């Protein structure tokens, strides 16, 4: 039982790295204590997007009369909605297991611990290996709020497990996880309140996006309290969240409280007591090649100190780490990472915002296209949305983009390609976008950088 590489964790970072290593001729073992696919597939990206699709279908049915379609009797069955979600997850899990097997990777189920350099214990069985990669992901952060351990106070893990019939829900945290769950349960008939400490929702995104998202949520009946701090949770007949907002103490009652205040690296008990690995900001420190302070041991994804907690970042890091340990050139530019939020409308961003460029003293040109003028957007019945593109005013190179519109998460990669390849305004404007598509908005945004937008009303 000796290998070239043993990877601990079969999430999007671990299994992708394992396949890449096997393709390079390495003898690989992949250790997983739960199910392949990790948090993203089993408790994160995929199940939430499945529920979001159901929620969006409910919204379309409710608004069907706008298109001359009248539905007299529509019903929701939470058991069947969750069953559909579970079916999607199970299909993808089986697909990954098939890929692992096809690439002759040994899949070992159990809890792994690194005993010493080159030796791993999995539930009492010892395995020797030349190199080790840790890809154990993250877990929800539970802030020290009194009452956070009460029944009915949940994280996203518990909320995704079983169907529920909550009528009222309070969400602590207005980041990506919080706003996506707010939209899901609002559409499924739940009265939702979001409490966020920061000044805006999605505080890491472009300020215009954050403000417009708050408008969208409030229009759909979701209550939003920003600049608010939760001081405690209590329970009598219902759960009561007490929080301070604008100097005043307020309360909100609900059937459930979702704590969505972020995630932290999960690597407890991965190292034996004899191994001292360097830690940075509660994550495992790694160098440019993703090697830890212990030679021969690597870490990627949410557990590592580099990059953001995103599934596609973990996969890219895994590939780059495997290439580095085989003395090969890396494939991915990890400096340019797109971020996506699956709200309605969708949100996506890559590169710099206008505010970030200003803070760094970079002179920029900003092009913006209002998607209310886009044909596909009109057909879909949406009006609130835009595409903004940021270019360096000195050399004309595209350095950032922010989108809030239908299909934003599908379109952001075109901007990522432009930034990674250091394309200029003139170069990206040579692209012909098909009509009618949402993607036409990208071309219009590029055109407005030079004040040439054909479908944009000129500024007076």
Protein backbone atom coordinates (compact mmCIF):
# COMPACT_ATOMS: atom_id res chain seq x y z
CA UNK A 1 0.00 0.00 0.00
CA UNK A 2 2.54 2.56 -1.22
CA UNK A 3 1.62 5.49 -3.45
CA UNK A 4 3.11 8.48 -5.20
CA UNK A 5 0.33 10.73 -3.88
CA UNK A 6 -2.41 10.36 -1.28
CA UNK A 7 -5.06 13.07 -1.23
CA UNK A 8 -7.19 13.59 1.89
CA UNK A 9 -10.61 14.88 0.84
CA UNK A 10 -12.57 14.04 -2.31
CA UNK A 11 -14.22 17.40 -2.91
CA UNK A 12 -13.81 19.52 -6.06
CA UNK A 13 -10.18 20.19 -5.15
CA UNK A 14 -9.23 16.66 -4.14
CA UNK A 15 -10.84 14.57 -6.85
CA UNK A 16 -9.77 16.92 -9.67
CA UNK A 17 -6.19 16.87 -8.36
CA UNK A 18 -6.32 13.08 -8.12
CA UNK A 19 -7.42 12.72 -11.74
CA UNK A 20 -4.72 15.13 -12.94
CA UNK A 21 -2.06 13.24 -10.97
CA UNK A 22 -3.23 9.90 -12.37
CA UNK A 23 -3.12 11.31 -15.91
CA UNK A 24 0.51 12.26 -15.28
CA UNK A 25 1.32 8.67 -14.35
CA UNK A 26 1.26 8.94 -10.56
CA UNK A 27 -0.11 6.11 -8.40
CA UNK A 28 -2.87 7.88 -6.46
CA UNK A 29 -5.13 7.15 -3.52
CA UNK A 30 -8.05 9.40 -2.61
CA UNK A 31 -9.32 9.29 0.99
CA UNK A 32 -12.83 10.50 1.90
CA UNK A 33 -14.64 10.12 5.23
CA UNK A 34 -18.11 10.95 3.88
CA UNK A 35 -19.10 11.18 0.19
CA UNK A 36 -17.13 12.17 -2.88
CA UNK A 37 -17.89 15.66 -4.13
CA UNK A 38 -17.28 17.32 -0.77
CA UNK A 39 -19.20 20.30 0.54
CA UNK A 40 -19.85 21.77 -2.92
CA UNK A 41 -21.68 18.76 -4.27
CA UNK A 42 -23.32 17.40 -1.13
CA UNK A 43 -23.95 20.41 1.13
CA UNK A 44 -23.30 23.54 -0.93
CA UNK A 45 -23.19 24.65 -4.56
CA UNK A 46 -25.20 21.91 -6.25
CA UNK A 47 -28.03 21.31 -3.74
CA UNK A 48 -28.61 25.05 -3.26
CA UNK A 49 -28.73 25.62 -7.01
CA UNK A 50 -31.21 22.76 -7.36
CA UNK A 51 -33.45 24.40 -4.75
CA UNK A 52 -32.95 27.80 -6.39
CA UNK A 53 -34.16 26.33 -9.68
CA UNK A 54 -37.32 25.08 -7.96
CA UNK A 55 -37.78 28.50 -6.33
CA UNK A 56 -37.36 30.26 -9.68
CA UNK A 57 -39.92 27.92 -11.25
CA UNK A 58 -42.39 28.91 -8.51
CA UNK A 59 -41.78 32.59 -9.28
CA UNK A 60 -42.34 32.02 -12.99
CA UNK A 61 -45.61 30.23 -12.30
CA UNK A 62 -46.81 33.07 -10.06
CA UNK A 63 -45.99 35.60 -12.79
CA UNK A 64 -47.24 33.47 -15.69
CA UNK A 65 -50.28 35.72 -16.25
CA UNK A 66 -47.90 38.42 -17.54
CA UNK A 67 -47.33 36.13 -20.53
CA UNK A 68 -50.98 35.29 -21.07
CA UNK A 69 -50.71 31.99 -19.21
CA UNK A 70 -53.16 31.35 -16.36
CA UNK A 71 -52.52 28.60 -13.85
CA UNK A 72 -55.46 28.10 -11.53
CA UNK A 73 -54.07 25.53 -9.11
CA UNK A 74 -50.38 25.28 -8.35
CA UNK A 75 -49.07 23.39 -5.34
CA UNK A 76 -45.65 22.89 -3.78
CA UNK A 77 -44.49 19.60 -2.33
CA UNK A 78 -41.32 20.11 -0.27
CA UNK A 79 -40.67 16.36 -0.12
CA UNK A 80 -40.59 16.19 -3.92
CA UNK A 81 -38.55 19.39 -4.24
CA UNK A 82 -35.89 17.92 -1.94
CA UNK A 83 -36.14 14.55 -3.71
CA UNK A 84 -35.29 16.27 -7.02
CA UNK A 85 -32.32 17.97 -5.34
CA UNK A 86 -31.14 14.65 -3.93
CA UNK A 87 -31.44 12.95 -7.32
CA UNK A 88 -29.22 15.58 -8.95
CA UNK A 89 -26.64 15.22 -6.18
CA UNK A 90 -26.67 11.42 -6.34
CA UNK A 91 -26.23 11.41 -10.12
CA UNK A 92 -23.20 13.69 -9.87
CA UNK A 93 -21.69 11.67 -6.99
CA UNK A 94 -21.94 8.51 -9.08
CA UNK A 95 -20.37 10.34 -12.02
CA UNK A 96 -17.36 11.38 -9.94
CA UNK A 97 -16.93 7.88 -8.54
CA UNK A 98 -16.96 6.62 -12.13
CA UNK A 99 -14.24 9.12 -13.12
CA UNK A 100 -12.10 8.10 -10.15
CA UNK A 101 -12.42 4.43 -11.05
CA UNK A 102 -11.77 5.06 -14.76
CA UNK A 103 -8.51 6.82 -13.89
CA UNK A 104 -7.40 3.86 -11.72
CA UNK A 105 -7.40 5.92 -8.52
CA UNK A 106 -7.90 3.95 -5.31
CA UNK A 107 -10.83 5.40 -3.36
CA UNK A 108 -10.51 4.79 0.37
CA UNK A 109 -13.37 5.66 2.73
CA UNK A 110 -12.49 6.60 6.29
CA UNK A 111 -10.94 9.28 8.51
CA UNK A 112 -7.32 10.01 7.65
CA UNK A 113 -4.52 11.29 9.84
CA UNK A 114 -0.97 12.12 8.82
CA UNK A 115 1.19 10.12 11.26
CA UNK A 116 4.50 11.32 9.87
CA UNK A 117 5.89 12.57 6.59
CA UNK A 118 4.96 9.95 4.00
CA UNK A 119 2.68 7.90 6.29
CA UNK A 120 -1.11 8.15 6.66
CA UNK A 121 -3.44 6.24 8.95
CA UNK A 122 -7.01 5.60 7.77
CA UNK A 123 -9.12 4.02 10.52
CA UNK A 124 -6.23 1.85 11.70
CA UNK A 125 -4.73 0.98 8.30
CA UNK A 126 -1.34 2.49 7.37
CA UNK A 127 -0.47 3.79 3.90
CA UNK A 128 2.90 5.01 2.66
CA UNK A 129 3.26 7.72 0.05
CA UNK A 130 5.81 10.00 -1.54
CA UNK A 131 3.58 13.07 -1.28
CA UNK A 132 0.43 14.05 0.62
CA UNK A 133 -2.22 16.61 -0.32
CA UNK A 134 -4.79 17.96 2.15
CA UNK A 135 -8.09 19.01 0.58
CA UNK A 136 -10.45 18.73 3.54
CA UNK A 137 -12.45 21.87 2.78
CA UNK A 138 -14.34 24.03 5.25
CA UNK A 139 -17.23 24.04 7.69
CA UNK A 140 -19.75 26.68 8.80
CA UNK A 141 -18.61 29.32 11.29
CA UNK A 142 -20.79 29.50 14.40
CA UNK A 143 -20.33 32.92 16.06
CA UNK A 144 -20.48 33.08 19.88
CA UNK A 145 -24.10 34.21 20.00
CA UNK A 146 -25.97 33.18 23.17
CA UNK A 147 -28.65 30.69 22.14
CA UNK A 148 -26.93 29.57 18.93
CA UNK A 149 -27.19 25.95 20.14
CA UNK A 150 -30.97 26.00 20.55
CA UNK A 151 -33.16 23.60 18.55
CA UNK A 152 -34.18 25.25 15.29
CA UNK A 153 -30.94 27.23 14.98
CA UNK A 154 -29.33 25.78 11.86
CA UNK A 155 -26.41 26.04 9.48
CA UNK A 156 -26.72 25.43 5.74
CA UNK A 157 -25.69 21.79 6.35
CA UNK A 158 -28.79 21.03 8.41
CA UNK A 159 -31.13 23.15 6.29
CA UNK A 160 -30.25 21.16 3.17
CA UNK A 161 -30.71 17.74 4.74
CA UNK A 162 -34.45 17.46 5.29
CA UNK A 163 -37.56 19.08 3.77
CA UNK A 164 -39.26 21.57 6.07
CA UNK A 165 -42.41 23.64 6.28
CA UNK A 166 -41.04 26.75 7.96
CA UNK A 167 -43.36 29.75 7.76
CA UNK A 168 -40.87 32.28 9.16
CA UNK A 169 -37.08 32.27 8.98
CA UNK A 170 -34.40 34.62 10.26
CA UNK A 171 -31.05 34.55 8.48
CA UNK A 172 -27.98 35.85 10.30
CA UNK A 173 -25.57 36.93 7.58
CA UNK A 174 -26.15 38.73 4.30
CA UNK A 175 -23.34 37.23 2.28
CA UNK A 176 -23.66 34.80 -0.63
CA UNK A 177 -25.06 31.92 1.46
CA UNK A 178 -27.55 34.15 3.27
CA UNK A 179 -29.04 35.88 0.23
CA UNK A 180 -29.33 32.67 -1.80
CA UNK A 181 -31.22 30.88 0.99
CA UNK A 182 -33.37 33.98 1.51
CA UNK A 183 -34.51 33.82 -2.12
CA UNK A 184 -35.11 30.07 -1.97
CA UNK A 185 -37.34 30.09 1.09
CA UNK A 186 -39.06 33.36 0.21
CA UNK A 187 -40.21 31.82 -3.09
CA UNK A 188 -41.29 28.65 -1.28
CA UNK A 189 -43.68 30.63 0.92
CA UNK A 190 -41.52 31.55 3.91
CA UNK A 191 -41.43 34.98 5.58
CA UNK A 192 -37.69 35.82 5.61
CA UNK A 193 -35.63 38.40 7.51
CA UNK A 194 -31.89 38.94 6.91
CA UNK A 195 -29.70 40.49 9.61
CA UNK A 196 -26.27 41.65 8.40
CA UNK A 197 -23.49 43.34 10.38
CA UNK A 198 -21.95 45.21 7.42
CA UNK A 199 -23.34 48.36 5.83
CA UNK A 200 -24.64 46.42 2.81
CA UNK A 201 -25.52 42.93 1.65
CA UNK A 202 -22.70 41.16 -0.23
CA UNK A 203 -20.14 43.57 1.27
CA UNK A 204 -17.30 42.20 -0.89
CA UNK A 205 -19.07 43.07 -4.15
CA UNK A 206 -19.46 46.29 -6.13
CA UNK A 207 -21.45 48.81 -4.05
CA UNK A 208 -24.03 49.35 -6.81
CA UNK A 209 -24.73 45.62 -6.91
CA UNK A 210 -25.16 45.51 -3.13
CA UNK A 211 -27.62 48.40 -3.13
CA UNK A 212 -29.70 47.07 -6.02
CA UNK A 213 -29.80 43.59 -4.50
CA UNK A 214 -31.29 45.04 -1.31
CA UNK A 215 -33.97 46.70 -3.46
CA UNK A 216 -34.73 43.41 -5.22
CA UNK A 217 -35.05 41.46 -1.97
CA UNK A 218 -37.26 44.06 -0.33
CA UNK A 219 -39.51 44.17 -3.42
CA UNK A 220 -39.99 40.43 -3.06
CA UNK A 221 -41.01 40.83 0.57
CA UNK A 222 -37.70 39.88 2.22
CA UNK A 223 -36.92 42.10 5.20
CA UNK A 224 -33.33 43.35 5.37
CA UNK A 225 -31.56 44.82 8.40
CA UNK A 226 -27.99 45.96 7.70
CA UNK A 227 -25.59 47.60 10.18
CA UNK A 228 -27.16 45.25 12.73
CA UNK A 229 -25.59 43.00 15.35
CA UNK A 230 -27.36 39.98 16.86
CA UNK A 231 -26.90 39.87 20.65
CA UNK A 232 -28.81 36.69 21.43
CA UNK A 233 -31.32 34.01 20.46
CA UNK A 234 -34.01 32.78 22.83
CA UNK A 235 -36.92 30.39 22.52
CA UNK A 236 -40.39 30.17 23.99
CA UNK A 237 -43.05 29.19 21.46
CA UNK A 238 -40.86 30.51 18.66
CA UNK A 239 -37.23 31.50 18.28
CA UNK A 240 -36.53 35.16 18.98
CA UNK A 241 -33.48 36.97 17.61
CA UNK A 242 -32.52 40.11 19.52
CA UNK A 243 -30.35 42.56 17.59
CA UNK A 244 -29.18 46.15 17.70
CA UNK A 245 -29.79 48.34 14.65
CA UNK A 246 -29.01 52.06 14.49
CA UNK A 247 -28.60 52.15 18.27
CA UNK A 248 -31.99 50.58 18.95
CA UNK A 249 -32.65 47.06 20.26
CA UNK A 250 -35.07 45.09 18.10
CA UNK A 251 -36.43 41.55 17.95
CA UNK A 252 -37.72 39.21 15.24
CA UNK A 253 -39.45 35.87 15.81
CA UNK A 254 -39.33 32.86 13.51
CA UNK A 255 -39.63 29.07 13.25
CA UNK A 256 -35.96 28.72 12.33
CA UNK A 257 -32.74 30.73 12.45
CA UNK A 258 -30.13 30.12 9.78
CA UNK A 259 -26.58 31.08 10.74
CA UNK A 260 -24.87 32.06 7.48
CA UNK A 261 -21.85 33.98 8.75
CA UNK A 262 -19.24 32.27 6.60
CA UNK A 263 -17.06 29.16 6.65
CA UNK A 264 -13.65 28.27 8.07
CA UNK A 265 -10.94 25.76 7.18
CA UNK A 266 -11.56 22.25 8.50
CA UNK A 267 -8.45 20.23 9.31
CA UNK A 268 -8.85 19.16 12.92
CA UNK A 269 -7.04 15.89 13.68
CA UNK A 270 -5.54 15.69 10.17
CA UNK A 271 -2.06 16.08 11.68
CA UNK A 272 -0.73 13.90 14.50
CA UNK A 273 0.45 15.66 17.63
CA UNK A 274 4.07 15.19 16.54
CA UNK A 275 3.64 17.27 13.37
CA UNK A 276 3.75 21.05 13.66
CA UNK A 277 2.51 22.72 10.51
CA UNK A 278 2.52 26.50 10.07
CA UNK A 279 -0.90 28.13 10.35
CA UNK A 280 -1.91 31.48 8.84
CA UNK A 281 -5.27 33.13 9.57
CA UNK A 282 -6.76 29.83 10.80
CA UNK A 283 -5.77 28.09 7.56
CA UNK A 284 -2.77 25.97 6.58
CA UNK A 285 0.05 28.15 5.26
CA UNK A 286 1.22 27.18 1.76
CA UNK A 287 3.79 28.55 -0.68
CA UNK A 288 3.31 29.30 -4.38
CA UNK A 289 3.38 25.56 -5.16
CA UNK A 290 0.83 24.86 -2.37
CA UNK A 291 3.42 23.03 -0.30
CA UNK A 292 3.02 23.49 3.46
CA UNK A 293 5.82 24.21 5.92
CA UNK A 294 6.37 20.42 6.04
CA UNK A 295 8.15 19.29 2.87
CA UNK A 296 6.16 16.77 0.85
CA UNK A 297 2.80 17.80 2.34
CA UNK A 298 0.54 20.09 0.26
CA UNK A 299 -2.78 21.82 0.95
CA UNK A 300 -5.37 23.26 -1.45
CA UNK A 301 -8.84 24.77 -1.49
CA UNK A 302 -10.70 26.13 1.54
CA UNK A 303 -8.17 24.61 3.93
CA UNK A 304 -5.19 26.48 2.41
CA UNK A 305 -4.09 30.05 3.09
CA UNK A 306 -4.19 31.16 -0.57
CA UNK A 307 -7.26 32.11 -2.58
CA UNK A 308 -10.96 32.39 -1.82
CA UNK A 309 -13.37 29.68 -0.69
CA UNK A 310 -14.78 28.68 -4.06
CA UNK A 311 -15.10 25.24 -5.65
CA UNK A 312 -13.53 26.32 -8.94
CA UNK A 313 -10.59 27.83 -7.06
CA UNK A 314 -9.99 24.53 -5.24
CA UNK A 315 -10.05 22.59 -8.52
CA UNK A 316 -7.61 24.98 -10.20
CA UNK A 317 -5.30 24.97 -7.19
CA UNK A 318 -5.35 21.16 -7.15
CA UNK A 319 -4.27 20.97 -10.78
CA UNK A 320 -1.55 23.60 -10.33
CA UNK A 321 -0.24 21.87 -7.21
CA UNK A 322 0.01 18.49 -8.97
CA UNK A 323 1.80 20.10 -11.92
CA UNK A 324 4.22 21.86 -9.56
CA UNK A 325 5.10 18.65 -7.71
CA UNK A 326 5.85 17.09 -11.13
CA UNK A 327 8.05 20.05 -12.15
CA UNK A 328 5.64 21.12 -14.87
CA UNK A 329 4.33 24.58 -15.78
CA UNK A 330 1.04 25.50 -14.12
CA UNK A 331 -2.17 25.72 -16.15
CA UNK A 332 -4.30 28.27 -14.31
CA UNK A 333 -3.90 31.96 -13.59
CA UNK A 334 -5.09 32.07 -9.97
CA UNK A 335 -4.90 35.86 -9.78
CA UNK A 336 -8.10 36.29 -11.82
CA UNK A 337 -11.02 34.45 -10.22
CA UNK A 338 -14.70 35.01 -11.13
CA UNK A 339 -17.29 35.03 -8.33
CA UNK A 340 -20.96 34.19 -8.80
CA UNK A 341 -24.13 34.67 -6.77
CA UNK A 342 -27.27 32.85 -7.92
CA UNK A 343 -29.84 35.46 -6.99
CA UNK A 344 -32.60 36.75 -9.28
CA UNK A 345 -31.19 38.45 -11.26
CA UNK A 346 -27.83 36.69 -11.09
CA UNK A 347 -24.66 38.45 -9.93
CA UNK A 348 -21.12 37.85 -11.14
CA UNK A 349 -17.84 39.70 -10.84
CA UNK A 350 -14.20 39.30 -11.85
CA UNK A 351 -11.13 41.47 -11.47
CA UNK A 352 -11.24 44.95 -9.96
CA UNK A 353 -14.21 47.10 -9.08
CA UNK A 354 -14.08 50.84 -9.75
CA UNK A 355 -13.64 51.45 -6.00
CA UNK A 356 -10.69 49.04 -5.78
CA UNK A 357 -8.98 50.66 -8.76
CA UNK A 358 -9.41 54.10 -7.20
CA UNK A 359 -7.92 52.88 -3.89
CA UNK A 360 -4.88 51.63 -5.80
CA UNK A 361 -4.51 54.90 -7.67
CA UNK A 362 -5.34 53.37 -11.06
CA UNK A 363 -7.04 55.70 -13.52
CA UNK A 364 -9.94 53.85 -15.15
CA UNK A 365 -12.57 54.14 -17.85
CA UNK A 366 -15.94 52.63 -16.96
CA UNK A 367 -18.44 51.29 -19.47
CA UNK A 368 -21.95 50.38 -18.36
CA UNK A 369 -24.91 48.98 -20.24
CA UNK A 370 -28.42 48.93 -18.77
CA UNK A 371 -29.88 45.51 -19.60
CA UNK A 372 -33.41 46.97 -19.69
CA UNK A 373 -32.62 47.67 -23.35
CA UNK A 374 -31.65 44.07 -24.12
CA UNK A 375 -34.20 42.10 -26.16
CA UNK A 376 -33.85 38.79 -24.28
CA UNK A 377 -34.12 40.64 -20.97
CA UNK A 378 -37.33 42.32 -22.12
CA UNK A 379 -38.78 38.98 -23.23
CA UNK A 380 -38.01 37.51 -19.81
CA UNK A 381 -39.84 40.41 -18.20
CA UNK A 382 -36.89 41.77 -16.26
CA UNK A 383 -35.77 45.39 -16.18
CA UNK A 384 -33.37 45.74 -13.25
CA UNK A 385 -29.89 44.78 -14.38
CA UNK A 386 -26.64 46.03 -15.84
CA UNK A 387 -23.20 45.06 -17.10
CA UNK A 388 -20.26 47.20 -16.02
CA UNK A 389 -16.75 46.87 -17.40
CA UNK A 390 -13.60 48.52 -16.05
CA UNK A 391 -10.58 49.35 -18.23
CA UNK A 392 -7.20 50.84 -17.37
CA UNK A 393 -7.31 54.38 -18.77
CA UNK A 394 -3.56 54.37 -19.45
CA UNK A 395 -3.30 51.30 -21.67
CA UNK A 396 -6.93 50.37 -22.45
CA UNK A 397 -6.66 46.87 -20.93
CA UNK A 398 -9.74 45.31 -19.36
CA UNK A 399 -9.16 44.92 -15.60
CA UNK A 400 -12.60 44.16 -14.15
CA UNK A 401 -16.30 43.55 -14.72
CA UNK A 402 -19.45 43.39 -12.60
CA UNK A 403 -22.72 41.95 -13.85
CA UNK A 404 -26.20 41.93 -12.34
CA UNK A 405 -28.59 40.42 -14.87
CA UNK A 406 -30.02 37.17 -16.20
CA UNK A 407 -27.28 34.65 -17.13
CA UNK A 408 -24.59 36.79 -15.47
CA UNK A 409 -22.89 33.68 -14.08
CA UNK A 410 -22.62 32.21 -17.58
CA UNK A 411 -21.34 35.42 -19.16
CA UNK A 412 -18.64 36.43 -16.68
CA UNK A 413 -16.09 34.04 -18.21
CA UNK A 414 -15.85 36.23 -21.32
CA UNK A 415 -14.53 39.03 -19.10
CA UNK A 416 -12.23 36.59 -17.28
CA UNK A 417 -10.73 35.60 -20.63
CA UNK A 418 -10.16 39.25 -21.51
CA UNK A 419 -8.44 40.03 -18.19
CA UNK A 420 -6.23 36.90 -18.14
CA UNK A 421 -5.09 37.56 -21.71
CA UNK A 422 -4.62 41.29 -21.02
CA UNK A 423 -6.88 42.28 -23.90
CA UNK A 424 -7.52 45.93 -24.70
CA UNK A 425 -10.80 47.69 -25.44
CA UNK A 426 -10.06 47.62 -29.17
CA UNK A 427 -9.34 43.89 -29.12
CA UNK A 428 -12.51 42.88 -27.25
CA UNK A 429 -14.66 45.16 -29.42
CA UNK A 430 -13.76 43.06 -32.46
CA UNK A 431 -15.96 40.23 -31.16
CA UNK A 432 -19.36 39.80 -32.84
CA UNK A 433 -22.04 38.75 -30.36
CA UNK A 434 -25.07 36.81 -31.71
CA UNK A 435 -28.53 38.34 -31.73
CA UNK A 436 -30.79 38.05 -29.83
CA UNK A 437 -28.82 36.98 -26.74
CA UNK A 438 -28.02 38.23 -23.28
CA UNK A 439 -24.38 38.28 -24.40
CA UNK A 440 -25.12 41.25 -26.63
CA UNK A 441 -25.02 43.26 -23.42
CA UNK A 442 -21.32 42.51 -23.12
CA UNK A 443 -20.66 44.04 -26.51
CA UNK A 444 -22.75 47.07 -25.59
CA UNK A 445 -20.83 47.51 -22.32
CA UNK A 446 -17.56 47.43 -24.27
CA UNK A 447 -18.93 49.99 -26.73
CA UNK A 448 -19.93 52.37 -23.93
CA UNK A 449 -16.29 52.50 -22.80
CA UNK A 450 -15.78 54.73 -25.82
CA UNK A 451 -19.23 56.28 -25.82
CA UNK A 452 -20.27 54.27 -28.87
CA UNK A 453 -23.09 52.08 -27.54
CA UNK A 454 -25.59 51.66 -30.38
CA UNK A 455 -28.47 50.67 -28.08
CA UNK A 456 -27.52 52.99 -25.25
CA UNK A 457 -29.17 56.36 -24.82
CA UNK A 458 -26.39 59.00 -24.89
CA UNK A 459 -25.80 60.93 -21.68
CA UNK A 460 -26.89 64.58 -21.83
